[in-house]
Amino acid sequence: MIETERLVLRPWRDADIEPFAAMGQDADVMRHLNGVIDRDAAIAVIDRHRVGQARDGHCFWAIERRADGAFLGFCGLRLGGHPGTGVTDELEIGWRLARHAWGQGYAREAAEASLAWGWANTDRARIAAWTVPANEASWGLMRRLGMSERPDLHFDHPDFAEGHPLRRHLVYTIDRPTA
């Protein structure tokens, strides 16, 4: 569990299913992720995060607001990207917040805490993030976190056909801070 001034990043609980499923039904939240998902797909995502936590000791953790325990979304680190791309073996930082949590600095606070945890608890030389070019909020946060765009690692997502608006992905990385 990671605590910040306003947030707790923690393993997933069954109580997170309903608010996470509701996020998955929000077209604005899901617009850069191939559209809304149903409850079963949301449960499958949570299950993958739980497997990652058990296997690797980290995942995209659930975020709750410390003041009231409200579920806000997720942020954290996971291993591996998409097979056949330049990010296959990267340690990825990622985030997704419910719309009611946008614009309040929660994503940055959670991402900064996740990066600090990654540097303290892994031996990785860098941490990467990726998104589609249209997701300006996400790559803007990557820049504010001090990440640098890596055109040499940009890739075409293998799940999307040629010409699909979500096929091309931009990659940003940040190197381990020097002591």
N, C-alpha and C. Protein backbone atom coordinates (compact mmCIF):
# COMPACT_ATOMS: atom_id res chain seq x y z
N MET A 1 0.85 -1.17 0.00
CA MET A 1 0.00 0.00 0.00
C MET A 1 0.90 1.24 0.00
N ILE A 2 0.51 2.22 -0.80
CA ILE A 2 1.22 3.48 -0.90
C ILE A 2 0.26 4.58 -0.45
N GLU A 3 0.73 5.45 0.44
CA GLU A 3 -0.08 6.57 0.88
C GLU A 3 0.58 7.87 0.47
N THR A 4 -0.24 8.78 -0.03
CA THR A 4 0.20 10.13 -0.34
C THR A 4 -0.61 11.08 0.55
N GLU A 5 -0.45 12.36 0.33
CA GLU A 5 -1.20 13.32 1.14
C GLU A 5 -2.70 13.09 1.05
N ARG A 6 -3.20 12.79 -0.18
CA ARG A 6 -4.65 12.67 -0.37
C ARG A 6 -5.13 11.29 -0.77
N LEU A 7 -4.21 10.39 -1.10
CA LEU A 7 -4.59 9.13 -1.74
C LEU A 7 -3.99 7.91 -1.06
N VAL A 8 -4.64 6.77 -1.32
CA VAL A 8 -4.09 5.47 -0.98
C VAL A 8 -4.11 4.64 -2.26
N LEU A 9 -2.96 4.10 -2.64
CA LEU A 9 -2.86 3.15 -3.75
C LEU A 9 -2.71 1.79 -3.11
N ARG A 10 -3.60 0.87 -3.45
CA ARG A 10 -3.67 -0.40 -2.72
C ARG A 10 -4.11 -1.52 -3.64
N PRO A 11 -3.94 -2.78 -3.16
CA PRO A 11 -4.46 -3.91 -3.94
C PRO A 11 -5.98 -3.81 -4.11
N TRP A 12 -6.45 -4.47 -5.13
CA TRP A 12 -7.87 -4.44 -5.47
C TRP A 12 -8.70 -5.22 -4.45
N ARG A 13 -9.91 -4.72 -4.21
CA ARG A 13 -10.90 -5.38 -3.34
C ARG A 13 -12.15 -5.66 -4.15
N ASP A 14 -12.94 -6.62 -3.68
CA ASP A 14 -14.20 -6.91 -4.36
C ASP A 14 -15.11 -5.67 -4.39
N ALA A 15 -15.01 -4.82 -3.39
CA ALA A 15 -15.83 -3.61 -3.34
C ALA A 15 -15.49 -2.64 -4.47
N ASP A 16 -14.36 -2.83 -5.14
CA ASP A 16 -13.97 -1.96 -6.26
C ASP A 16 -14.67 -2.33 -7.56
N ILE A 17 -15.27 -3.50 -7.61
CA ILE A 17 -15.85 -3.99 -8.87
C ILE A 17 -16.90 -3.02 -9.41
N GLU A 18 -17.86 -2.64 -8.59
CA GLU A 18 -18.95 -1.81 -9.10
C GLU A 18 -18.49 -0.43 -9.56
N PRO A 19 -17.69 0.29 -8.76
CA PRO A 19 -17.26 1.60 -9.26
C PRO A 19 -16.32 1.48 -10.47
N PHE A 20 -15.51 0.42 -10.53
CA PHE A 20 -14.65 0.25 -11.69
C PHE A 20 -15.48 -0.12 -12.93
N ALA A 21 -16.48 -0.95 -12.74
CA ALA A 21 -17.37 -1.28 -13.86
C ALA A 21 -18.10 -0.03 -14.35
N ALA A 22 -18.50 0.83 -13.44
CA ALA A 22 -19.15 2.09 -13.84
C ALA A 22 -18.19 2.96 -14.65
N MET A 23 -16.92 3.01 -14.26
CA MET A 23 -15.92 3.74 -15.05
C MET A 23 -15.85 3.17 -16.46
N GLY A 24 -15.90 1.85 -16.56
CA GLY A 24 -15.81 1.18 -17.85
C GLY A 24 -17.00 1.45 -18.75
N GLN A 25 -18.08 1.93 -18.18
CA GLN A 25 -19.28 2.27 -18.95
C GLN A 25 -19.32 3.74 -19.36
N ASP A 26 -18.35 4.51 -18.90
CA ASP A 26 -18.30 5.94 -19.19
C ASP A 26 -17.54 6.14 -20.50
N ALA A 27 -18.23 6.58 -21.52
CA ALA A 27 -17.62 6.74 -22.85
C ALA A 27 -16.47 7.74 -22.83
N ASP A 28 -16.55 8.78 -22.00
CA ASP A 28 -15.45 9.74 -21.92
C ASP A 28 -14.20 9.12 -21.32
N VAL A 29 -14.36 8.33 -20.26
CA VAL A 29 -13.22 7.66 -19.63
C VAL A 29 -12.58 6.68 -20.61
N MET A 30 -13.40 6.00 -21.40
CA MET A 30 -12.93 4.90 -22.25
C MET A 30 -12.64 5.31 -23.69
N ARG A 31 -12.75 6.58 -24.01
CA ARG A 31 -12.66 7.00 -25.41
C ARG A 31 -11.34 6.66 -26.08
N HIS A 32 -10.24 6.63 -25.34
CA HIS A 32 -8.94 6.30 -25.94
C HIS A 32 -8.56 4.83 -25.70
N LEU A 33 -9.54 4.04 -25.27
CA LEU A 33 -9.29 2.64 -24.91
C LEU A 33 -10.25 1.69 -25.64
N ASN A 34 -10.68 2.06 -26.81
CA ASN A 34 -11.55 1.24 -27.64
C ASN A 34 -12.97 1.10 -27.12
N GLY A 35 -13.45 2.08 -26.39
CA GLY A 35 -14.86 2.11 -26.02
C GLY A 35 -15.18 1.45 -24.70
N VAL A 36 -16.44 1.54 -24.35
CA VAL A 36 -16.93 1.06 -23.06
C VAL A 36 -16.80 -0.46 -22.98
N ILE A 37 -16.74 -0.92 -21.73
CA ILE A 37 -16.68 -2.36 -21.46
C ILE A 37 -17.79 -2.73 -20.49
N ASP A 38 -18.20 -3.99 -20.53
CA ASP A 38 -19.26 -4.43 -19.62
C ASP A 38 -18.67 -4.88 -18.28
N ARG A 39 -19.53 -5.24 -17.37
CA ARG A 39 -19.11 -5.62 -16.01
C ARG A 39 -18.16 -6.81 -16.03
N ASP A 40 -18.44 -7.82 -16.87
CA ASP A 40 -17.57 -8.99 -16.94
C ASP A 40 -16.17 -8.62 -17.41
N ALA A 41 -16.08 -7.72 -18.38
CA ALA A 41 -14.77 -7.27 -18.85
C ALA A 41 -14.05 -6.48 -17.76
N ALA A 42 -14.79 -5.69 -17.00
CA ALA A 42 -14.18 -4.94 -15.90
C ALA A 42 -13.63 -5.90 -14.84
N ILE A 43 -14.37 -6.94 -14.54
CA ILE A 43 -13.90 -7.94 -13.58
C ILE A 43 -12.64 -8.62 -14.11
N ALA A 44 -12.59 -8.90 -15.40
CA ALA A 44 -11.40 -9.53 -16.00
C ALA A 44 -10.18 -8.62 -15.86
N VAL A 45 -10.37 -7.30 -16.00
CA VAL A 45 -9.26 -6.36 -15.83
C VAL A 45 -8.76 -6.41 -14.39
N ILE A 46 -9.68 -6.36 -13.44
CA ILE A 46 -9.30 -6.43 -12.02
C ILE A 46 -8.57 -7.74 -11.75
N ASP A 47 -9.06 -8.83 -12.31
CA ASP A 47 -8.40 -10.13 -12.11
C ASP A 47 -6.97 -10.12 -12.63
N ARG A 48 -6.75 -9.49 -13.79
CA ARG A 48 -5.38 -9.39 -14.33
C ARG A 48 -4.48 -8.58 -13.39
N HIS A 49 -5.03 -7.51 -12.83
CA HIS A 49 -4.23 -6.72 -11.88
C HIS A 49 -3.91 -7.54 -10.63
N ARG A 50 -4.85 -8.31 -10.15
CA ARG A 50 -4.61 -9.15 -8.97
C ARG A 50 -3.54 -10.19 -9.26
N VAL A 51 -3.56 -10.77 -10.45
CA VAL A 51 -2.54 -11.74 -10.84
C VAL A 51 -1.17 -11.07 -10.87
N GLY A 52 -1.10 -9.87 -11.46
CA GLY A 52 0.16 -9.13 -11.50
C GLY A 52 0.68 -8.82 -10.10
N GLN A 53 -0.21 -8.41 -9.22
CA GLN A 53 0.19 -8.12 -7.84
C GLN A 53 0.77 -9.37 -7.18
N ALA A 54 0.10 -10.51 -7.34
CA ALA A 54 0.57 -11.76 -6.72
C ALA A 54 1.90 -12.21 -7.32
N ARG A 55 2.04 -12.07 -8.62
CA ARG A 55 3.23 -12.55 -9.33
C ARG A 55 4.42 -11.61 -9.15
N ASP A 56 4.18 -10.29 -9.29
CA ASP A 56 5.28 -9.33 -9.38
C ASP A 56 5.44 -8.43 -8.15
N GLY A 57 4.42 -8.41 -7.30
CA GLY A 57 4.46 -7.52 -6.15
C GLY A 57 3.95 -6.12 -6.44
N HIS A 58 3.44 -5.91 -7.64
CA HIS A 58 2.88 -4.62 -8.02
C HIS A 58 1.93 -4.81 -9.19
N CYS A 59 1.13 -3.78 -9.44
CA CYS A 59 0.16 -3.81 -10.54
C CYS A 59 -0.32 -2.37 -10.72
N PHE A 60 -1.34 -2.19 -11.53
CA PHE A 60 -2.06 -0.92 -11.54
C PHE A 60 -3.00 -1.01 -10.34
N TRP A 61 -2.61 -0.36 -9.24
CA TRP A 61 -3.35 -0.46 -7.99
C TRP A 61 -4.62 0.38 -8.01
N ALA A 62 -5.58 -0.02 -7.20
CA ALA A 62 -6.78 0.79 -6.99
C ALA A 62 -6.37 2.06 -6.24
N ILE A 63 -7.02 3.16 -6.59
CA ILE A 63 -6.79 4.44 -5.90
C ILE A 63 -8.04 4.77 -5.10
N GLU A 64 -7.84 5.08 -3.83
CA GLU A 64 -8.95 5.60 -3.04
C GLU A 64 -8.53 6.93 -2.43
N ARG A 65 -9.51 7.78 -2.25
CA ARG A 65 -9.27 9.08 -1.62
C ARG A 65 -9.22 8.87 -0.11
N ARG A 66 -8.18 9.37 0.53
CA ARG A 66 -8.00 9.17 1.97
C ARG A 66 -9.13 9.80 2.78
N ALA A 67 -9.62 10.94 2.35
CA ALA A 67 -10.61 11.68 3.13
C ALA A 67 -11.90 10.89 3.35
N ASP A 68 -12.31 10.14 2.33
CA ASP A 68 -13.60 9.46 2.45
C ASP A 68 -13.61 8.02 1.93
N GLY A 69 -12.46 7.51 1.49
CA GLY A 69 -12.39 6.14 1.00
C GLY A 69 -12.99 5.93 -0.38
N ALA A 70 -13.35 7.01 -1.08
CA ALA A 70 -13.97 6.87 -2.40
C ALA A 70 -12.99 6.27 -3.40
N PHE A 71 -13.50 5.36 -4.23
CA PHE A 71 -12.72 4.77 -5.31
C PHE A 71 -12.60 5.80 -6.43
N LEU A 72 -11.35 6.06 -6.87
CA LEU A 72 -11.11 7.07 -7.89
C LEU A 72 -10.62 6.50 -9.22
N GLY A 73 -10.11 5.27 -9.21
CA GLY A 73 -9.57 4.69 -10.43
C GLY A 73 -8.38 3.82 -10.12
N PHE A 74 -7.38 3.84 -11.02
CA PHE A 74 -6.17 3.07 -10.75
C PHE A 74 -4.93 3.80 -11.23
N CYS A 75 -3.81 3.41 -10.64
CA CYS A 75 -2.49 3.88 -11.06
C CYS A 75 -1.47 2.92 -10.47
N GLY A 76 -0.40 2.71 -11.21
CA GLY A 76 0.65 1.86 -10.69
C GLY A 76 1.57 1.40 -11.79
N LEU A 77 2.22 0.27 -11.53
CA LEU A 77 3.23 -0.27 -12.41
C LEU A 77 2.91 -1.71 -12.75
N ARG A 78 3.19 -2.07 -14.00
CA ARG A 78 3.06 -3.47 -14.40
C ARG A 78 4.18 -3.81 -15.37
N LEU A 79 4.50 -5.08 -15.42
CA LEU A 79 5.58 -5.56 -16.27
C LEU A 79 5.07 -5.94 -17.64
N GLY A 80 5.87 -5.61 -18.65
CA GLY A 80 5.60 -6.09 -19.99
C GLY A 80 4.61 -5.24 -20.74
N GLY A 81 4.86 -5.15 -22.01
CA GLY A 81 3.97 -4.42 -22.88
C GLY A 81 3.32 -5.36 -23.86
N HIS A 82 3.33 -4.97 -25.09
CA HIS A 82 2.65 -5.73 -26.13
C HIS A 82 3.66 -6.53 -26.93
N PRO A 83 3.47 -7.84 -27.03
CA PRO A 83 4.41 -8.69 -27.78
C PRO A 83 4.62 -8.16 -29.20
N GLY A 84 5.86 -8.23 -29.64
CA GLY A 84 6.18 -7.81 -30.98
C GLY A 84 6.37 -6.31 -31.14
N THR A 85 6.39 -5.58 -30.02
CA THR A 85 6.61 -4.13 -30.06
C THR A 85 7.89 -3.81 -29.29
N GLY A 86 8.31 -2.57 -29.33
CA GLY A 86 9.50 -2.15 -28.60
C GLY A 86 9.30 -2.01 -27.11
N VAL A 87 8.07 -2.25 -26.62
CA VAL A 87 7.81 -2.10 -25.18
C VAL A 87 7.51 -3.43 -24.50
N THR A 88 7.83 -4.52 -25.17
CA THR A 88 7.49 -5.85 -24.65
C THR A 88 8.00 -6.08 -23.24
N ASP A 89 9.21 -5.64 -22.95
CA ASP A 89 9.83 -5.92 -21.65
C ASP A 89 9.90 -4.72 -20.72
N GLU A 90 9.14 -3.70 -21.01
CA GLU A 90 9.20 -2.48 -20.20
C GLU A 90 8.41 -2.61 -18.90
N LEU A 91 8.83 -1.85 -17.90
CA LEU A 91 8.02 -1.62 -16.71
C LEU A 91 7.16 -0.41 -17.03
N GLU A 92 5.86 -0.62 -17.09
CA GLU A 92 4.92 0.42 -17.51
C GLU A 92 4.26 1.07 -16.31
N ILE A 93 4.17 2.39 -16.35
CA ILE A 93 3.31 3.11 -15.42
C ILE A 93 2.04 3.46 -16.19
N GLY A 94 0.91 3.31 -15.53
CA GLY A 94 -0.36 3.63 -16.16
C GLY A 94 -1.36 4.14 -15.14
N TRP A 95 -2.39 4.79 -15.66
CA TRP A 95 -3.43 5.35 -14.79
C TRP A 95 -4.73 5.44 -15.56
N ARG A 96 -5.81 5.42 -14.83
CA ARG A 96 -7.15 5.68 -15.37
C ARG A 96 -8.00 6.13 -14.20
N LEU A 97 -8.61 7.29 -14.33
CA LEU A 97 -9.44 7.82 -13.25
C LEU A 97 -10.88 8.00 -13.70
N ALA A 98 -11.77 7.86 -12.75
CA ALA A 98 -13.18 8.14 -12.99
C ALA A 98 -13.32 9.63 -13.32
N ARG A 99 -14.29 9.95 -14.13
CA ARG A 99 -14.45 11.33 -14.58
C ARG A 99 -14.60 12.31 -13.41
N HIS A 100 -15.30 11.90 -12.34
CA HIS A 100 -15.48 12.80 -11.20
C HIS A 100 -14.16 13.13 -10.51
N ALA A 101 -13.08 12.40 -10.81
CA ALA A 101 -11.77 12.64 -10.20
C ALA A 101 -10.82 13.42 -11.11
N TRP A 102 -11.27 13.77 -12.30
CA TRP A 102 -10.41 14.50 -13.24
C TRP A 102 -10.18 15.93 -12.78
N GLY A 103 -9.04 16.46 -13.19
CA GLY A 103 -8.75 17.87 -13.00
C GLY A 103 -8.45 18.29 -11.57
N GLN A 104 -8.14 17.34 -10.70
CA GLN A 104 -7.87 17.65 -9.30
C GLN A 104 -6.45 17.28 -8.87
N GLY A 105 -5.63 16.88 -9.84
CA GLY A 105 -4.25 16.53 -9.54
C GLY A 105 -4.06 15.13 -8.98
N TYR A 106 -5.11 14.34 -8.94
CA TYR A 106 -4.99 12.98 -8.39
C TYR A 106 -4.09 12.09 -9.26
N ALA A 107 -4.22 12.18 -10.58
CA ALA A 107 -3.42 11.32 -11.45
C ALA A 107 -1.93 11.61 -11.25
N ARG A 108 -1.58 12.88 -11.20
CA ARG A 108 -0.17 13.22 -11.00
C ARG A 108 0.33 12.75 -9.64
N GLU A 109 -0.46 12.97 -8.60
CA GLU A 109 -0.07 12.56 -7.25
C GLU A 109 0.14 11.05 -7.19
N ALA A 110 -0.78 10.30 -7.78
CA ALA A 110 -0.67 8.84 -7.79
C ALA A 110 0.52 8.39 -8.64
N ALA A 111 0.72 9.03 -9.79
CA ALA A 111 1.82 8.64 -10.68
C ALA A 111 3.17 8.95 -10.03
N GLU A 112 3.30 10.09 -9.40
CA GLU A 112 4.56 10.41 -8.73
C GLU A 112 4.87 9.39 -7.63
N ALA A 113 3.84 8.98 -6.89
CA ALA A 113 4.03 7.98 -5.84
C ALA A 113 4.39 6.62 -6.45
N SER A 114 3.78 6.29 -7.57
CA SER A 114 4.08 5.02 -8.24
C SER A 114 5.51 5.00 -8.76
N LEU A 115 5.95 6.11 -9.35
CA LEU A 115 7.34 6.19 -9.81
C LEU A 115 8.30 6.04 -8.64
N ALA A 116 8.05 6.74 -7.55
CA ALA A 116 8.93 6.64 -6.37
C ALA A 116 8.97 5.20 -5.87
N TRP A 117 7.82 4.54 -5.85
CA TRP A 117 7.78 3.14 -5.42
C TRP A 117 8.60 2.28 -6.37
N GLY A 118 8.47 2.53 -7.67
CA GLY A 118 9.22 1.76 -8.65
C GLY A 118 10.72 1.89 -8.49
N TRP A 119 11.18 3.12 -8.25
CA TRP A 119 12.62 3.31 -8.06
C TRP A 119 13.10 2.64 -6.79
N ALA A 120 12.29 2.67 -5.74
CA ALA A 120 12.68 2.09 -4.45
C ALA A 120 12.59 0.57 -4.43
N ASN A 121 11.74 -0.01 -5.28
CA ASN A 121 11.43 -1.44 -5.15
C ASN A 121 11.73 -2.29 -6.37
N THR A 122 12.26 -1.69 -7.42
CA THR A 122 12.69 -2.47 -8.59
C THR A 122 14.09 -2.03 -8.97
N ASP A 123 14.73 -2.81 -9.81
CA ASP A 123 16.06 -2.43 -10.28
C ASP A 123 16.02 -1.89 -11.70
N ARG A 124 14.85 -1.53 -12.18
CA ARG A 124 14.70 -1.05 -13.55
C ARG A 124 15.42 0.27 -13.77
N ALA A 125 16.08 0.39 -14.92
CA ALA A 125 16.79 1.62 -15.27
C ALA A 125 15.84 2.70 -15.76
N ARG A 126 14.66 2.29 -16.23
CA ARG A 126 13.69 3.27 -16.70
C ARG A 126 12.28 2.71 -16.52
N ILE A 127 11.32 3.63 -16.58
CA ILE A 127 9.90 3.28 -16.53
C ILE A 127 9.27 3.95 -17.75
N ALA A 128 8.36 3.24 -18.39
CA ALA A 128 7.75 3.72 -19.63
C ALA A 128 6.25 3.88 -19.47
N ALA A 129 5.68 4.67 -20.36
CA ALA A 129 4.23 4.84 -20.45
C ALA A 129 3.90 5.03 -21.92
N TRP A 130 2.67 4.67 -22.29
CA TRP A 130 2.25 4.85 -23.67
C TRP A 130 0.77 5.14 -23.76
N THR A 131 0.43 5.82 -24.82
CA THR A 131 -0.96 6.18 -25.10
C THR A 131 -1.09 6.56 -26.57
N VAL A 132 -2.30 6.78 -26.99
CA VAL A 132 -2.55 7.20 -28.37
C VAL A 132 -2.30 8.70 -28.50
N PRO A 133 -1.95 9.17 -29.72
CA PRO A 133 -1.68 10.60 -29.90
C PRO A 133 -2.84 11.51 -29.48
N ALA A 134 -4.08 11.06 -29.63
CA ALA A 134 -5.23 11.89 -29.30
C ALA A 134 -5.41 12.09 -27.79
N ASN A 135 -4.77 11.27 -26.98
CA ASN A 135 -4.95 11.35 -25.53
C ASN A 135 -3.99 12.39 -24.94
N GLU A 136 -4.27 13.65 -25.24
CA GLU A 136 -3.40 14.74 -24.80
C GLU A 136 -3.28 14.84 -23.29
N ALA A 137 -4.34 14.52 -22.56
CA ALA A 137 -4.27 14.58 -21.09
C ALA A 137 -3.24 13.59 -20.57
N SER A 138 -3.20 12.42 -21.16
CA SER A 138 -2.28 11.39 -20.68
C SER A 138 -0.83 11.71 -21.04
N TRP A 139 -0.56 12.03 -22.30
CA TRP A 139 0.83 12.33 -22.62
C TRP A 139 1.26 13.67 -22.04
N GLY A 140 0.31 14.55 -21.77
CA GLY A 140 0.65 15.78 -21.07
C GLY A 140 1.12 15.49 -19.64
N LEU A 141 0.45 14.56 -18.98
CA LEU A 141 0.89 14.16 -17.64
C LEU A 141 2.26 13.49 -17.71
N MET A 142 2.47 12.67 -18.73
CA MET A 142 3.79 12.04 -18.88
C MET A 142 4.87 13.11 -18.92
N ARG A 143 4.64 14.16 -19.67
CA ARG A 143 5.62 15.25 -19.76
C ARG A 143 5.79 15.95 -18.41
N ARG A 144 4.67 16.23 -17.72
CA ARG A 144 4.76 16.90 -16.42
C ARG A 144 5.49 16.04 -15.39
N LEU A 145 5.47 14.72 -15.58
CA LEU A 145 6.20 13.82 -14.68
C LEU A 145 7.69 13.79 -14.99
N GLY A 146 8.09 14.47 -16.06
CA GLY A 146 9.50 14.48 -16.46
C GLY A 146 9.86 13.39 -17.45
N MET A 147 8.85 12.75 -18.02
CA MET A 147 9.09 11.71 -19.00
C MET A 147 9.40 12.35 -20.35
N SER A 148 10.20 11.65 -21.15
CA SER A 148 10.58 12.13 -22.48
C SER A 148 9.98 11.25 -23.55
N GLU A 149 9.52 11.90 -24.61
CA GLU A 149 8.97 11.13 -25.73
C GLU A 149 10.08 10.33 -26.38
N ARG A 150 9.75 9.08 -26.75
CA ARG A 150 10.72 8.17 -27.34
C ARG A 150 10.20 7.67 -28.69
N PRO A 151 10.36 8.46 -29.75
CA PRO A 151 9.88 8.04 -31.07
C PRO A 151 10.43 6.69 -31.52
N ASP A 152 11.64 6.34 -31.05
CA ASP A 152 12.22 5.05 -31.40
C ASP A 152 11.44 3.87 -30.81
N LEU A 153 10.59 4.13 -29.82
CA LEU A 153 9.79 3.08 -29.19
C LEU A 153 8.31 3.15 -29.56
N HIS A 154 7.88 4.20 -30.26
CA HIS A 154 6.48 4.28 -30.68
C HIS A 154 6.12 2.98 -31.42
N PHE A 155 4.86 2.59 -31.31
CA PHE A 155 4.47 1.32 -31.93
C PHE A 155 3.03 1.35 -32.40
N ASP A 156 2.74 0.42 -33.29
CA ASP A 156 1.37 0.16 -33.73
C ASP A 156 0.83 -0.96 -32.87
N HIS A 157 -0.26 -0.67 -32.16
CA HIS A 157 -0.85 -1.66 -31.24
C HIS A 157 -1.32 -2.87 -32.02
N PRO A 158 -0.89 -4.06 -31.61
CA PRO A 158 -1.23 -5.27 -32.38
C PRO A 158 -2.71 -5.63 -32.37
N ASP A 159 -3.50 -5.04 -31.47
CA ASP A 159 -4.93 -5.37 -31.41
C ASP A 159 -5.78 -4.54 -32.37
N PHE A 160 -5.16 -3.57 -33.04
CA PHE A 160 -5.92 -2.69 -33.92
C PHE A 160 -5.42 -2.79 -35.35
N ALA A 161 -6.36 -2.79 -36.28
CA ALA A 161 -6.05 -2.92 -37.71
C ALA A 161 -5.42 -1.64 -38.23
N GLU A 162 -4.73 -1.77 -39.33
CA GLU A 162 -4.15 -0.62 -40.03
C GLU A 162 -5.24 0.42 -40.26
N GLY A 163 -4.93 1.68 -39.96
CA GLY A 163 -5.88 2.76 -40.16
C GLY A 163 -6.80 3.02 -38.97
N HIS A 164 -6.84 2.13 -37.98
CA HIS A 164 -7.68 2.34 -36.79
C HIS A 164 -7.11 3.51 -35.99
N PRO A 165 -7.96 4.42 -35.49
CA PRO A 165 -7.45 5.61 -34.78
C PRO A 165 -6.71 5.29 -33.48
N LEU A 166 -6.86 4.08 -32.94
CA LEU A 166 -6.16 3.72 -31.71
C LEU A 166 -4.94 2.83 -31.97
N ARG A 167 -4.58 2.65 -33.22
CA ARG A 167 -3.46 1.75 -33.53
C ARG A 167 -2.11 2.34 -33.11
N ARG A 168 -1.84 3.59 -33.48
CA ARG A 168 -0.53 4.19 -33.19
C ARG A 168 -0.44 4.58 -31.72
N HIS A 169 0.67 4.23 -31.08
CA HIS A 169 0.90 4.57 -29.68
C HIS A 169 2.22 5.32 -29.53
N LEU A 170 2.16 6.39 -28.75
CA LEU A 170 3.34 7.16 -28.39
C LEU A 170 3.92 6.58 -27.11
N VAL A 171 5.23 6.55 -27.03
CA VAL A 171 5.90 6.02 -25.83
C VAL A 171 6.75 7.13 -25.21
N TYR A 172 6.64 7.23 -23.89
CA TYR A 172 7.45 8.14 -23.09
C TYR A 172 8.18 7.31 -22.05
N THR A 173 9.39 7.74 -21.68
CA THR A 173 10.13 7.04 -20.63
C THR A 173 10.75 8.06 -19.68
N ILE A 174 11.08 7.55 -18.51
CA ILE A 174 11.83 8.32 -17.53
C ILE A 174 12.91 7.40 -16.97
N ASP A 175 14.12 7.94 -16.89
CA ASP A 175 15.25 7.17 -16.38
C ASP A 175 15.30 7.25 -14.87
N ARG A 176 15.88 6.20 -14.29
CA ARG A 176 16.08 6.17 -12.84
C ARG A 176 16.90 7.39 -12.42
N PRO A 177 16.44 8.09 -11.40
CA PRO A 177 17.21 9.25 -10.93
C PRO A 177 18.59 8.83 -10.41
N THR A 178 19.54 9.68 -10.62
CA THR A 178 20.87 9.41 -10.07
C THR A 178 20.91 9.93 -8.64
N ALA A 179 21.70 9.27 -7.85
CA ALA A 179 21.76 9.63 -6.41
C ALA A 179 22.35 10.99 -6.16
